PDB file of N, CA and C in Angstrom:
ATOM      1  N   MET A   1      54.283 164.732-135.460  1.00  0.00           N
ATOM      2  CA  MET A   1      55.014 163.487-135.631  1.00  0.00           C
ATOM      3  C   MET A   1      56.503 163.778-135.519  1.00  0.00           C
ATOM      4  N   LEU A   2      57.233 162.948-134.793  1.00  0.00           N
ATOM      5  CA  LEU A   2      58.665 163.141-134.601  1.00  0.00           C
ATOM      6  C   LEU A   2      59.386 161.918-135.123  1.00  0.00           C
ATOM      7  N   GLN A   3      60.296 162.149-136.052  1.00  0.00           N
ATOM      8  CA  GLN A   3      61.114 161.067-136.589  1.00  0.00           C
ATOM      9  C   GLN A   3      62.551 161.356-136.200  1.00  0.00           C
ATOM     10  N   ALA A   4      63.257 160.347-135.694  1.00  0.00           N
ATOM     11  CA  ALA A   4      64.619 160.587-135.234  1.00  0.00           C
ATOM     12  C   ALA A   4      65.601 159.645-135.901  1.00  0.00           C
ATOM     13  N   THR A   5      66.763 160.158-136.196  1.00  0.00           N
ATOM     14  CA  THR A   5      67.902 159.336-136.591  1.00  0.00           C
ATOM     15  C   THR A   5      69.008 159.632-135.599  1.00  0.00           C
ATOM     16  N   SER A   6      70.191 159.142-135.851  1.00  0.00           N
ATOM     17  CA  SER A   6      71.255 159.316-134.864  1.00  0.00           C
ATOM     18  C   SER A   6      71.706 160.766-134.719  1.00  0.00           C
ATOM     19  N   THR A   7      71.569 161.607-135.735  1.00  0.00           N
ATOM     20  CA  THR A   7      72.081 162.966-135.625  1.00  0.00           C
ATOM     21  C   THR A   7      71.045 164.062-135.816  1.00  0.00           C
ATOM     22  N   TRP A   8      69.850 163.770-136.311  1.00  0.00           N
ATOM     23  CA  TRP A   8      68.856 164.829-136.499  1.00  0.00           C
ATOM     24  C   TRP A   8      67.448 164.271-136.410  1.00  0.00           C
ATOM     25  N   ALA A   9      66.514 165.142-136.260  1.00  0.00           N
ATOM     26  CA  ALA A   9      65.098 164.753-136.190  1.00  0.00           C
ATOM     27  C   ALA A   9      64.280 165.788-136.927  1.00  0.00           C
ATOM     28  N   THR A  10      63.146 165.379-137.466  1.00  0.00           N
ATOM     29  CA  THR A  10      62.239 166.323-138.094  1.00  0.00           C
ATOM     30  C   THR A  10      60.900 166.235-137.411  1.00  0.00           C
ATOM     31  N   ALA A  11      60.249 167.355-137.274  1.00  0.00           N
ATOM     32  CA  ALA A  11      58.921 167.403-136.679  1.00  0.00           C
ATOM     33  C   ALA A  11      57.980 167.998-137.716  1.00  0.00           C
ATOM     34  N   GLU A  12      56.867 167.348-137.936  1.00  0.00           N
ATOM     35  CA  GLU A  12      55.898 167.845-138.896  1.00  0.00           C
ATOM     36  C   GLU A  12      54.685 168.371-138.154  1.00  0.00           C
ATOM     37  N   ALA A  13      54.340 169.641-138.395  1.00  0.00           N
ATOM     38  CA  ALA A  13      53.181 170.255-137.767  1.00  0.00           C
ATOM     39  C   ALA A  13      52.536 171.194-138.779  1.00  0.00           C
ATOM     40  N   ALA A  14      51.264 171.001-139.016  1.00  0.00           N
ATOM     41  CA  ALA A  14      50.493 171.846-139.932  1.00  0.00           C
ATOM     42  C   ALA A  14      51.146 171.913-141.316  1.00  0.00           C
ATOM     43  N   GLY A  15      51.685 170.791-141.763  1.00  0.00           N
ATOM     44  CA  GLY A  15      52.261 170.742-143.104  1.00  0.00           C
ATOM     45  C   GLY A  15      53.657 171.320-143.219  1.00  0.00           C
ATOM     46  N   LYS A  16      54.250 171.789-142.120  1.00  0.00           N
ATOM     47  CA  LYS A  16      55.598 172.362-142.161  1.00  0.00           C
ATOM     48  C   LYS A  16      56.578 171.388-141.508  1.00  0.00           C
ATOM     49  N   THR A  17      57.784 171.348-142.025  1.00  0.00           N
ATOM     50  CA  THR A  17      58.822 170.474-141.481  1.00  0.00           C
ATOM     51  C   THR A  17      59.880 171.331-140.803  1.00  0.00           C
ATOM     52  N   PHE A  18      60.211 170.992-139.569  1.00  0.00           N
ATOM     53  CA  PHE A  18      61.229 171.700-138.811  1.00  0.00           C
ATOM     54  C   PHE A  18      62.358 170.725-138.514  1.00  0.00           C
ATOM     55  N   LYS A  19      63.592 171.155-138.676  1.00  0.00           N
ATOM     56  CA  LYS A  19      64.725 170.294-138.352  1.00  0.00           C
ATOM     57  C   LYS A  19      65.249 170.647-136.971  1.00  0.00           C
ATOM     58  N   ILE A  20      65.497 169.630-136.178  1.00  0.00           N
ATOM     59  CA  ILE A  20      66.061 169.797-134.843  1.00  0.00           C
ATOM     60  C   ILE A  20      67.456 169.193-134.886  1.00  0.00           C
ATOM     61  N   THR A  21      68.480 170.011-134.744  1.00  0.00           N
ATOM     62  CA  THR A  21      69.846 169.494-134.816  1.00  0.00           C
ATOM     63  C   THR A  21      70.318 169.018-133.455  1.00  0.00           C
ATOM     64  N   ASP A  22      71.300 168.178-133.471  1.00  0.00           N
ATOM     65  CA  ASP A  22      71.894 167.626-132.249  1.00  0.00           C
ATOM     66  C   ASP A  22      70.863 166.917-131.379  1.00  0.00           C
ATOM     67  N   TYR A  23      69.945 166.235-131.966  1.00  0.00           N
ATOM     68  CA  TYR A  23      68.930 165.484-131.226  1.00  0.00           C
ATOM     69  C   TYR A  23      69.568 164.236-130.632  1.00  0.00           C
ATOM     70  N   GLU A  24      69.362 164.022-129.355  1.00  0.00           N
ATOM     71  CA  GLU A  24      69.834 162.809-128.702  1.00  0.00           C
ATOM     72  C   GLU A  24      68.680 162.207-127.920  1.00  0.00           C
ATOM     73  N   PRO A  25      68.461 160.909-128.029  1.00  0.00           N
ATOM     74  CA  PRO A  25      67.388 160.287-127.245  1.00  0.00           C
ATOM     75  C   PRO A  25      67.721 160.321-125.760  1.00  0.00           C
ATOM     76  N   GLU A  26      66.706 160.310-124.934  1.00  0.00           N
ATOM     77  CA  GLU A  26      66.884 160.317-123.474  1.00  0.00           C
ATOM     78  C   GLU A  26      67.508 158.992-123.041  1.00  0.00           C
ATOM     79  N   ARG A  27      68.655 159.071-122.334  1.00  0.00           N
ATOM     80  CA  ARG A  27      69.339 157.866-121.895  1.00  0.00           C
ATOM     81  C   ARG A  27      69.386 157.746-120.374  1.00  0.00           C
ATOM     82  N   ARG A  28      68.781 158.656-119.668  1.00  0.00           N
ATOM     83  CA  ARG A  28      68.817 158.605-118.206  1.00  0.00           C
ATOM     84  C   ARG A  28      68.045 157.410-117.692  1.00  0.00           C
ATOM     85  N   GLN A  29      68.609 156.762-116.681  1.00  0.00           N
ATOM     86  CA  GLN A  29      67.965 155.594-116.100  1.00  0.00           C
ATOM     87  C   GLN A  29      67.276 155.918-114.779  1.00  0.00           C
ATOM     88  N   HIS A  30      67.623 157.045-114.172  1.00  0.00           N
ATOM     89  CA  HIS A  30      67.094 157.399-112.863  1.00  0.00           C
ATOM     90  C   HIS A  30      66.380 158.743-112.925  1.00  0.00           C
ATOM     91  N   ARG A  31      65.367 158.898-112.084  1.00  0.00           N
ATOM     92  CA  ARG A  31      64.623 160.152-112.009  1.00  0.00           C
ATOM     93  C   ARG A  31      65.499 161.238-111.390  1.00  0.00           C
ATOM     94  N   ARG A  32      65.488 162.420-111.978  1.00  0.00           N
ATOM     95  CA  ARG A  32      66.281 163.548-111.488  1.00  0.00           C
ATOM     96  C   ARG A  32      65.468 164.357-110.483  1.00  0.00           C
ATOM     97  N   ASN A  33      66.099 164.741-109.383  1.00  0.00           N
ATOM     98  CA  ASN A  33      65.487 165.615-108.378  1.00  0.00           C
ATOM     99  C   ASN A  33      66.203 166.958-108.447  1.00  0.00           C
ATOM    100  N   ARG A  34      65.440 167.998-108.732  1.00  0.00           N
ATOM    101  CA  ARG A  34      66.040 169.330-108.844  1.00  0.00           C
ATOM    102  C   ARG A  34      66.406 169.865-107.467  1.00  0.00           C
ATOM    103  N   VAL A  35      67.612 170.373-107.381  1.00  0.00           N
ATOM    104  CA  VAL A  35      68.104 171.030-106.172  1.00  0.00           C
ATOM    105  C   VAL A  35      68.932 172.222-106.630  1.00  0.00           C
ATOM    106  N   ARG A  36      69.292 173.045-105.731  1.00  0.00           N
ATOM    107  CA  ARG A  36      70.230 174.124-106.044  1.00  0.00           C
ATOM    108  C   ARG A  36      71.020 174.374-104.774  1.00  0.00           C
ATOM    109  N   LEU A  37      72.243 173.826-104.759  1.00  0.00           N
ATOM    110  CA  LEU A  37      73.077 174.019-103.577  1.00  0.00           C
ATOM    111  C   LEU A  37      74.540 174.076-103.957  1.00  0.00           C
ATOM    112  N   ARG A  38      75.279 174.745-103.116  1.00  0.00           N
ATOM    113  CA  ARG A  38      76.719 174.891-103.308  1.00  0.00           C
ATOM    114  C   ARG A  38      77.433 173.687-102.730  1.00  0.00           C
ATOM    115  N   ALA A  39      78.467 173.232-103.414  1.00  0.00           N
ATOM    116  CA  ALA A  39      79.264 172.100-102.949  1.00  0.00           C
ATOM    117  C   ALA A  39      80.725 172.369-103.278  1.00  0.00           C
ATOM    118  N   GLU A  40      81.594 171.778-102.504  1.00  0.00           N
ATOM    119  CA  GLU A  40      83.034 171.868-102.753  1.00  0.00           C
ATOM    120  C   GLU A  40      83.497 170.582-103.423  1.00  0.00           C
ATOM    121  N   ALA A  41      84.313 170.706-104.457  1.00  0.00           N
ATOM    122  CA  ALA A  41      84.842 169.542-105.159  1.00  0.00           C
ATOM    123  C   ALA A  41      86.364 169.530-105.035  1.00  0.00           C
ATOM    124  N   ARG A  42      86.902 168.327-104.880  1.00  0.00           N
ATOM    125  CA  ARG A  42      88.354 168.143-104.840  1.00  0.00           C
ATOM    126  C   ARG A  42      88.714 167.126-105.912  1.00  0.00           C
ATOM    127  N   ARG A  43      89.710 167.464-106.714  1.00  0.00           N
ATOM    128  CA  ARG A  43      90.162 166.584-107.792  1.00  0.00           C
ATOM    129  C   ARG A  43      91.056 165.493-107.227  1.00  0.00           C
ATOM    130  N   LEU A  44      90.830 164.261-107.669  1.00  0.00           N
ATOM    131  CA  LEU A  44      91.576 163.126-107.147  1.00  0.00           C
ATOM    132  C   LEU A  44      92.670 162.627-108.087  1.00  0.00           C
ATOM    133  N   ASP A  45      92.631 163.044-109.346  1.00  0.00           N
ATOM    134  CA  ASP A  45      93.626 162.574-110.311  1.00  0.00           C
ATOM    135  C   ASP A  45      94.943 163.325-110.158  1.00  0.00           C
ATOM    136  N   ASN A  46      95.994 162.697-110.591  1.00  0.00           N
ATOM    137  CA  ASN A  46      97.328 163.280-110.470  1.00  0.00           C
ATOM    138  C   ASN A  46      97.751 163.884-111.813  1.00  0.00           C
ATOM    139  N   THR A  47      96.989 164.884-112.269  1.00  0.00           N
ATOM    140  CA  THR A  47      97.312 165.573-113.516  1.00  0.00           C
ATOM    141  C   THR A  47      97.812 166.974-113.196  1.00  0.00           C
ATOM    142  N   LEU A  48      98.435 167.603-114.170  1.00  0.00           N
ATOM    143  CA  LEU A  48      98.966 168.948-113.961  1.00  0.00           C
ATOM    144  C   LEU A  48      97.849 169.943-113.637  1.00  0.00           C
ATOM    145  N   SER A  49      96.727 169.862-114.367  1.00  0.00           N
ATOM    146  CA  SER A  49      95.616 170.783-114.108  1.00  0.00           C
ATOM    147  C   SER A  49      95.020 170.542-112.720  1.00  0.00           C
ATOM    148  N   ALA A  50      94.970 169.282-112.277  1.00  0.00           N
ATOM    149  CA  ALA A  50      94.452 168.976-110.938  1.00  0.00           C
ATOM    150  C   ALA A  50      95.408 169.473-109.858  1.00  0.00           C
ATOM    151  N   GLN A  51      96.701 169.433-110.120  1.00  0.00           N
ATOM    152  CA  GLN A  51      97.672 169.927-109.152  1.00  0.00           C
ATOM    153  C   GLN A  51      97.631 171.456-109.040  1.00  0.00           C
ATOM    154  N   ARG A  52      97.373 172.131-110.150  1.00  0.00           N
ATOM    155  CA  ARG A  52      97.307 173.600-110.141  1.00  0.00           C
ATOM    156  C   ARG A  52      96.074 174.119-109.423  1.00  0.00           C
ATOM    157  N   ALA A  53      94.945 173.437-109.595  1.00  0.00           N
ATOM    158  CA  ALA A  53      93.683 173.861-108.963  1.00  0.00           C
ATOM    159  C   ALA A  53      92.997 172.629-108.388  1.00  0.00           C
ATOM    160  N   PRO A  54      93.442 172.152-107.217  1.00  0.00           N
ATOM    161  CA  PRO A  54      92.889 170.906-106.673  1.00  0.00           C
ATOM    162  C   PRO A  54      91.462 171.019-106.146  1.00  0.00           C
ATOM    163  N   LYS A  55      91.029 172.224-105.775  1.00  0.00           N
ATOM    164  CA  LYS A  55      89.681 172.407-105.229  1.00  0.00           C
ATOM    165  C   LYS A  55      88.942 173.485-106.013  1.00  0.00           C
ATOM    166  N   PHE A  56      87.624 173.306-106.112  1.00  0.00           N
ATOM    167  CA  PHE A  56      86.784 174.316-106.752  1.00  0.00           C
ATOM    168  C   PHE A  56      85.360 174.168-106.252  1.00  0.00           C
ATOM    169  N   THR A  57      84.535 175.156-106.549  1.00  0.00           N
ATOM    170  CA  THR A  57      83.144 175.181-106.088  1.00  0.00           C
ATOM    171  C   THR A  57      82.213 174.772-107.215  1.00  0.00           C
ATOM    172  N   LEU A  58      81.205 173.988-106.879  1.00  0.00           N
ATOM    173  CA  LEU A  58      80.163 173.568-107.810  1.00  0.00           C
ATOM    174  C   LEU A  58      78.817 174.112-107.358  1.00  0.00           C
ATOM    175  N   THR A  59      77.933 174.319-108.294  1.00  0.00           N
ATOM    176  CA  THR A  59      76.528 174.541-107.987  1.00  0.00           C
ATOM    177  C   THR A  59      75.793 173.312-108.499  1.00  0.00           C
ATOM    178  N   VAL A  60      75.271 172.500-107.603  1.00  0.00           N
ATOM    179  CA  VAL A  60      74.564 171.280-107.970  1.00  0.00           C
ATOM    180  C   VAL A  60      73.153 171.670-108.396  1.00  0.00           C
ATOM    181  N   LEU A  61      72.756 171.252-109.604  1.00  0.00           N
ATOM    182  CA  LEU A  61      71.449 171.599-110.163  1.00  0.00           C
ATOM    183  C   LEU A  61      70.427 170.489-110.005  1.00  0.00           C
ATOM    184  N   ASP A  62      70.860 169.247-110.180  1.00  0.00           N
ATOM    185  CA  ASP A  62      69.969 168.120-109.930  1.00  0.00           C
ATOM    186  C   ASP A  62      70.778 166.899-109.540  1.00  0.00           C
ATOM    187  N   ILE A  63      70.078 165.968-108.902  1.00  0.00           N
ATOM    188  CA  ILE A  63      70.733 164.776-108.372  1.00  0.00           C
ATOM    189  C   ILE A  63      69.812 163.582-108.571  1.00  0.00           C
ATOM    190  N   SER A  64      70.401 162.436-108.865  1.00  0.00           N
ATOM    191  CA  SER A  64      69.637 161.200-109.018  1.00  0.00           C
ATOM    192  C   SER A  64      70.419 160.078-108.347  1.00  0.00           C
ATOM    193  N   GLU A  65      69.935 158.857-108.482  1.00  0.00           N
ATOM    194  CA  GLU A  65      70.642 157.712-107.907  1.00  0.00           C
ATOM    195  C   GLU A  65      71.963 157.455-108.615  1.00  0.00           C
ATOM    196  N   GLY A  66      72.100 157.918-109.844  1.00  0.00           N
ATOM    197  CA  GLY A  66      73.298 157.625-110.622  1.00  0.00           C
ATOM    198  C   GLY A  66      74.300 158.743-110.733  1.00  0.00           C
ATOM    199  N   GLY A  67      73.896 159.996-110.448  1.00  0.00           N
ATOM    200  CA  GLY A  67      74.842 161.090-110.609  1.00  0.00           C
ATOM    201  C   GLY A  67      74.214 162.448-110.378  1.00  0.00           C
ATOM    202  N   ILE A  68      74.980 163.487-110.725  1.00  0.00           N
ATOM    203  CA  ILE A  68      74.508 164.855-110.555  1.00  0.00           C
ATOM    204  C   ILE A  68      74.809 165.682-111.796  1.00  0.00           C
ATOM    205  N   ALA A  69      74.058 166.753-111.962  1.00  0.00           N
ATOM    206  CA  ALA A  69      74.342 167.786-112.951  1.00  0.00           C
ATOM    207  C   ALA A  69      74.723 169.022-112.153  1.00  0.00           C
ATOM    208  N   ALA A  70      75.786 169.693-112.589  1.00  0.00           N
ATOM    209  CA  ALA A  70      76.278 170.849-111.841  1.00  0.00           C
ATOM    210  C   ALA A  70      76.901 171.857-112.791  1.00  0.00           C
ATOM    211  N   THR A  71      77.167 173.040-112.260  1.00  0.00           N
ATOM    212  CA  THR A  71      77.908 174.054-113.003  1.00  0.00           C
ATOM    213  C   THR A  71      79.144 174.430-112.202  1.00  0.00           C
ATOM    214  N   SER A  72      80.141 174.940-112.914  1.00  0.00           N
ATOM    215  CA  SER A  72      81.402 175.319-112.300  1.00  0.00           C
ATOM    216  C   SER A  72      81.968 176.535-113.024  1.00  0.00           C
ATOM    217  N   ARG A  73      82.826 177.267-112.368  1.00  0.00           N
ATOM    218  CA  ARG A  73      83.497 178.410-112.986  1.00  0.00           C
ATOM    219  C   ARG A  73      84.762 177.997-113.731  1.00  0.00           C
ATOM    220  N   GLN A  74      85.190 176.750-113.541  1.00  0.00           N
ATOM    221  CA  GLN A  74      86.398 176.285-114.221  1.00  0.00           C
ATOM    222  C   GLN A  74      86.137 174.934-114.881  1.00  0.00           C
ATOM    223  N   PRO A  75      86.861 174.665-115.981  1.00  0.00           N
ATOM    224  CA  PRO A  75      86.660 173.396-116.677  1.00  0.00           C
ATOM    225  C   PRO A  75      87.310 172.234-115.932  1.00  0.00           C
ATOM    226  N   VAL A  76      86.791 171.045-116.180  1.00  0.00           N
ATOM    227  CA  VAL A  76      87.318 169.809-115.625  1.00  0.00           C
ATOM    228  C   VAL A  76      87.410 168.824-116.783  1.00  0.00           C
ATOM    229  N   GLU A  77      88.413 167.980-116.792  1.00  0.00           N
ATOM    230  CA  GLU A  77      88.586 167.009-117.866  1.00  0.00           C
ATOM    231  C   GLU A  77      87.528 165.907-117.802  1.00  0.00           C
ATOM    232  N   ASP A  78      87.053 165.467-118.963  1.00  0.00           N
ATOM    233  CA  ASP A  78      86.164 164.307-119.019  1.00  0.00           C
ATOM    234  C   ASP A  78      86.918 163.103-118.463  1.00  0.00           C
ATOM    235  N   GLY A  79      86.261 162.325-117.634  1.00  0.00           N
ATOM    236  CA  GLY A  79      86.881 161.150-117.034  1.00  0.00           C
ATOM    237  C   GLY A  79      87.583 161.413-115.722  1.00  0.00           C
ATOM    238  N   GLU A  80      87.716 162.672-115.348  1.00  0.00           N
ATOM    239  CA  GLU A  80      88.411 163.020-114.105  1.00  0.00           C
ATOM    240  C   GLU A  80      87.598 162.583-112.882  1.00  0.00           C
ATOM    241  N   ARG A  81      88.285 162.086-111.856  1.00  0.00           N
ATOM    242  CA  ARG A  81      87.631 161.642-110.622  1.00  0.00           C
ATOM    243  C   ARG A  81      87.591 162.794-109.625  1.00  0.00           C
ATOM    244  N   LEU A  82      86.452 162.912-108.923  1.00  0.00           N
ATOM    245  CA  LEU A  82      86.242 163.983-107.952  1.00  0.00           C
ATOM    246  C   LEU A  82      85.670 163.410-106.667  1.00  0.00           C
ATOM    247  N   VAL A  83      85.892 164.132-105.572  1.00  0.00           N
ATOM    248  CA  VAL A  83      85.127 163.906-104.358  1.00  0.00           C
ATOM    249  C   VAL A  83      84.397 165.213-104.091  1.00  0.00           C
ATOM    250  N   ILE A  84      83.088 165.119-103.927  1.00  0.00           N
ATOM    251  CA  ILE A  84      82.238 166.297-103.757  1.00  0.00           C
ATOM    252  C   ILE A  84      81.715 166.301-102.332  1.00  0.00           C
ATOM    253  N   THR A  85      81.909 167.424-101.647  1.00  0.00           N
ATOM    254  CA  THR A  85      81.436 167.577-100.275  1.00  0.00           C
ATOM    255  C   THR A  85      80.224 168.491-100.284  1.00  0.00           C
ATOM    256  N   LEU A  86      79.085 167.934 -99.872  1.00  0.00           N
ATOM    257  CA  LEU A  86      77.839 168.694 -99.829  1.00  0.00           C
ATOM    258  C   LEU A  86      77.688 169.351 -98.463  1.00  0.00           C
ATOM    259  N   PRO A  87      76.920 170.435 -98.387  1.00  0.00           N
ATOM    260  CA  PRO A  87      76.687 171.068 -97.094  1.00  0.00           C
ATOM    261  C   PRO A  87      75.891 170.148 -96.165  1.00  0.00           C
ATOM    262  N   PRO A  88      76.047 170.299 -94.858  1.00  0.00           N
ATOM    263  CA  PRO A  88      75.355 169.408 -93.903  1.00  0.00           C
ATOM    264  C   PRO A  88      73.832 169.429 -94.026  1.00  0.00           C
ATOM    265  N   ASP A  89      73.248 170.532 -94.464  1.00  0.00           N
ATOM    266  CA  ASP A  89      71.796 170.626 -94.554  1.00  0.00           C
ATOM    267  C   ASP A  89      71.226 170.067 -95.860  1.00  0.00           C
ATOM    268  N   ALA A  90      72.036 169.411 -96.673  1.00  0.00           N
ATOM    269  CA  ALA A  90      71.564 168.878 -97.958  1.00  0.00           C
ATOM    270  C   ALA A  90      70.624 167.694 -97.780  1.00  0.00           C
ATOM    271  N   GLY A  91      70.726 166.983 -96.667  1.00  0.00           N
ATOM    272  CA  GLY A  91      69.823 165.875 -96.393  1.00  0.00           C
ATOM    273  C   GLY A  91      70.209 164.572 -97.062  1.00  0.00           C
ATOM    274  N   ILE A  92      71.387 164.524 -97.692  1.00  0.00           N
ATOM    275  CA  ILE A  92      71.871 163.295 -98.330  1.00  0.00           C
ATOM    276  C   ILE A  92      73.321 163.079 -97.925  1.00  0.00           C
ATOM    277  N   ALA A  93      73.941 162.074 -98.493  1.00  0.00           N
ATOM    278  CA  ALA A  93      75.331 161.752 -98.151  1.00  0.00           C
ATOM    279  C   ALA A  93      76.210 162.997 -98.225  1.00  0.00           C
ATOM    280  N   ARG A  94      77.100 163.118 -97.306  1.00  0.00           N
ATOM    281  CA  ARG A  94      77.923 164.325 -97.223  1.00  0.00           C
ATOM    282  C   ARG A  94      79.059 164.330 -98.235  1.00  0.00           C
ATOM    283  N   ARG A  95      79.737 163.196 -98.420  1.00  0.00           N
ATOM    284  CA  ARG A  95      80.836 163.113 -99.388  1.00  0.00           C
ATOM    285  C   ARG A  95      80.465 162.136-100.486  1.00  0.00           C
ATOM    286  N   ILE A  96      80.601 162.580-101.713  1.00  0.00           N
ATOM    287  CA  ILE A  96      80.235 161.784-102.871  1.00  0.00           C
ATOM    288  C   ILE A  96      81.450 161.651-103.784  1.00  0.00           C
ATOM    289  N   PHE A  97      81.738 160.425-104.198  1.00  0.00           N
ATOM    290  CA  PHE A  97      82.804 160.181-105.158  1.00  0.00           C
ATOM    291  C   PHE A  97      82.174 160.044-106.534  1.00  0.00           C
ATOM    292  N   GLY A  98      82.803 160.667-107.542  1.00  0.00           N
ATOM    293  CA  GLY A  98      82.237 160.610-108.881  1.00  0.00           C
ATOM    294  C   GLY A  98      83.273 160.786-109.960  1.00  0.00           C
ATOM    295  N   ARG A  99      82.821 160.570-111.185  1.00  0.00           N
ATOM    296  CA  ARG A  99      83.673 160.717-112.363  1.00  0.00           C
ATOM    297  C   ARG A  99      82.953 161.628-113.352  1.00  0.00           C
ATOM    298  N   VAL A 100      83.678 162.586-113.920  1.00  0.00           N
ATOM    299  CA  VAL A 100      83.099 163.538-114.871  1.00  0.00           C
ATOM    300  C   VAL A 100      82.810 162.812-116.185  1.00  0.00           C
ATOM    301  N   VAL A 101      81.546 162.830-116.584  1.00  0.00           N
ATOM    302  CA  VAL A 101      81.127 162.208-117.836  1.00  0.00           C
ATOM    303  C   VAL A 101      81.215 163.227-118.962  1.00  0.00           C
ATOM    304  N   ARG A 102      80.869 164.468-118.642  1.00  0.00           N
ATOM    305  CA  ARG A 102      80.831 165.512-119.663  1.00  0.00           C
ATOM    306  C   ARG A 102      81.091 166.866-119.029  1.00  0.00           C
ATOM    307  N   CYS A 103      81.854 167.700-119.721  1.00  0.00           N
ATOM    308  CA  CYS A 103      82.101 169.081-119.299  1.00  0.00           C
ATOM    309  C   CYS A 103      81.987 169.950-120.543  1.00  0.00           C
ATOM    310  N   LYS A 104      80.955 170.796-120.580  1.00  0.00           N
ATOM    311  CA  LYS A 104      80.698 171.648-121.749  1.00  0.00           C
ATOM    312  C   LYS A 104      80.724 173.116-121.342  1.00  0.00           C
ATOM    313  N   ALA A 105      81.252 173.945-122.231  1.00  0.00           N
ATOM    314  CA  ALA A 105      81.306 175.388-121.993  1.00  0.00           C
ATOM    315  C   ALA A 105      79.904 175.986-122.067  1.00  0.00           C
ATOM    316  N   ARG A 106      79.648 176.960-121.198  1.00  0.00           N
ATOM    317  CA  ARG A 106      78.407 177.743-121.180  1.00  0.00           C
ATOM    318  C   ARG A 106      78.797 179.212-121.193  1.00  0.00           C
ATOM    319  N   ARG A 107      77.806 180.082-121.268  1.00  0.00           N
ATOM    320  CA  ARG A 107      78.094 181.520-121.239  1.00  0.00           C
ATOM    321  C   ARG A 107      78.756 181.935-119.936  1.00  0.00           C
ATOM    322  N   ASP A 108      78.311 181.356-118.827  1.00  0.00           N
ATOM    323  CA  ASP A 108      78.775 181.808-117.518  1.00  0.00           C
ATOM    324  C   ASP A 108      79.639 180.774-116.789  1.00  0.00           C
ATOM    325  N   GLY A 109      80.242 179.844-117.512  1.00  0.00           N
ATOM    326  CA  GLY A 109      81.095 178.856-116.867  1.00  0.00           C
ATOM    327  C   GLY A 109      81.070 177.534-117.607  1.00  0.00           C
ATOM    328  N   TRP A 110      80.939 176.445-116.846  1.00  0.00           N
ATOM    329  CA  TRP A 110      80.998 175.107-117.405  1.00  0.00           C
ATOM    330  C   TRP A 110      79.854 174.262-116.854  1.00  0.00           C
ATOM    331  N   SER A 111      79.278 173.433-117.693  1.00  0.00           N
ATOM    332  CA  SER A 111      78.208 172.522-117.299  1.00  0.00           C
ATOM    333  C   SER A 111      78.820 171.128-117.161  1.00  0.00           C
ATOM    334  N   LEU A 112      78.582 170.490-115.999  1.00  0.00           N
ATOM    335  CA  LEU A 112      79.184 169.188-115.720  1.00  0.00           C
ATOM    336  C   LEU A 112      78.115 168.125-115.522  1.00  0.00           C
ATOM    337  N   ALA A 113      78.383 166.937-116.039  1.00  0.00           N
ATOM    338  CA  ALA A 113      77.598 165.741-115.736  1.00  0.00           C
ATOM    339  C   ALA A 113      78.556 164.804-115.011  1.00  0.00           C
ATOM    340  N   ILE A 114      78.188 164.400-113.808  1.00  0.00           N
ATOM    341  CA  ILE A 114      79.066 163.581-112.969  1.00  0.00           C
ATOM    342  C   ILE A 114      78.333 162.305-112.580  1.00  0.00           C
ATOM    343  N   ARG A 115      78.946 161.164-112.892  1.00  0.00           N
ATOM    344  CA  ARG A 115      78.379 159.862-112.532  1.00  0.00           C
ATOM    345  C   ARG A 115      79.019 159.411-111.221  1.00  0.00           C
ATOM    346  N   PHE A 116      78.197 158.896-110.306  1.00  0.00           N
ATOM    347  CA  PHE A 116      78.716 158.441-109.020  1.00  0.00           C
ATOM    348  C   PHE A 116      79.614 157.231-109.202  1.00  0.00           C
ATOM    349  N   ASP A 117      80.699 157.184-108.420  1.00  0.00           N
ATOM    350  CA  ASP A 117      81.555 156.013-108.299  1.00  0.00           C
ATOM    351  C   ASP A 117      81.167 155.388-106.973  1.00  0.00           C
ATOM    352  N   PHE A 118      80.672 154.183-107.027  1.00  0.00           N
ATOM    353  CA  PHE A 118      80.278 153.500-105.804  1.00  0.00           C
ATOM    354  C   PHE A 118      81.469 152.709-105.304  1.00  0.00           C
ATOM    355  N   VAL A 119      82.100 153.234-104.262  1.00  0.00           N
ATOM    356  CA  VAL A 119      83.280 152.573-103.702  1.00  0.00           C
ATOM    357  C   VAL A 119      82.860 151.816-102.455  1.00  0.00           C
ATOM    358  N   PRO A 120      83.323 150.576-102.298  1.00  0.00           N
ATOM    359  CA  PRO A 120      82.948 149.828-101.103  1.00  0.00           C
ATOM    360  C   PRO A 120      83.616 150.400 -99.869  1.00  0.00           C
ATOM    361  N   ALA A 121      82.934 150.275 -98.742  1.00  0.00           N
ATOM    362  CA  ALA A 121      83.497 150.748 -97.468  1.00  0.00           C
ATOM    363  C   ALA A 121      84.662 149.849 -97.087  1.00  0.00           C
ATOM    364  N   ALA A 122      85.705 150.448 -96.556  1.00  0.00           N
ATOM    365  CA  ALA A 122      86.905 149.675 -96.186  1.00  0.00           C
ATOM    366  C   ALA A 122      86.745 149.046 -94.830  1.00  0.00           C
TER     367      ALA A 122
END
């Protein structure tokens, strides 16, 4: 049995109670497709950090209709706008515009959640 509140959950199995910290309910609206490909990202905001390092490499881990999950060797600010260029053999749109929803530190770099910005064609 799993009981959840906003910050923790308990699971009862064989009479023992286990606490799961940092429990968050699933909020994804679109199915994720696992991929693993290299992409180039360019920062679009006019901030000092974006001016110092305007381009960087991403490893895209999964992609859905609403966004992508990726890793990077450098941090990016939450809310920052990016244009991501995928390799020609990716089989999907070549240039993607997005906004960083989350950037968290990992052992080997940074984990990014990027939501697509749907811009109308000019």
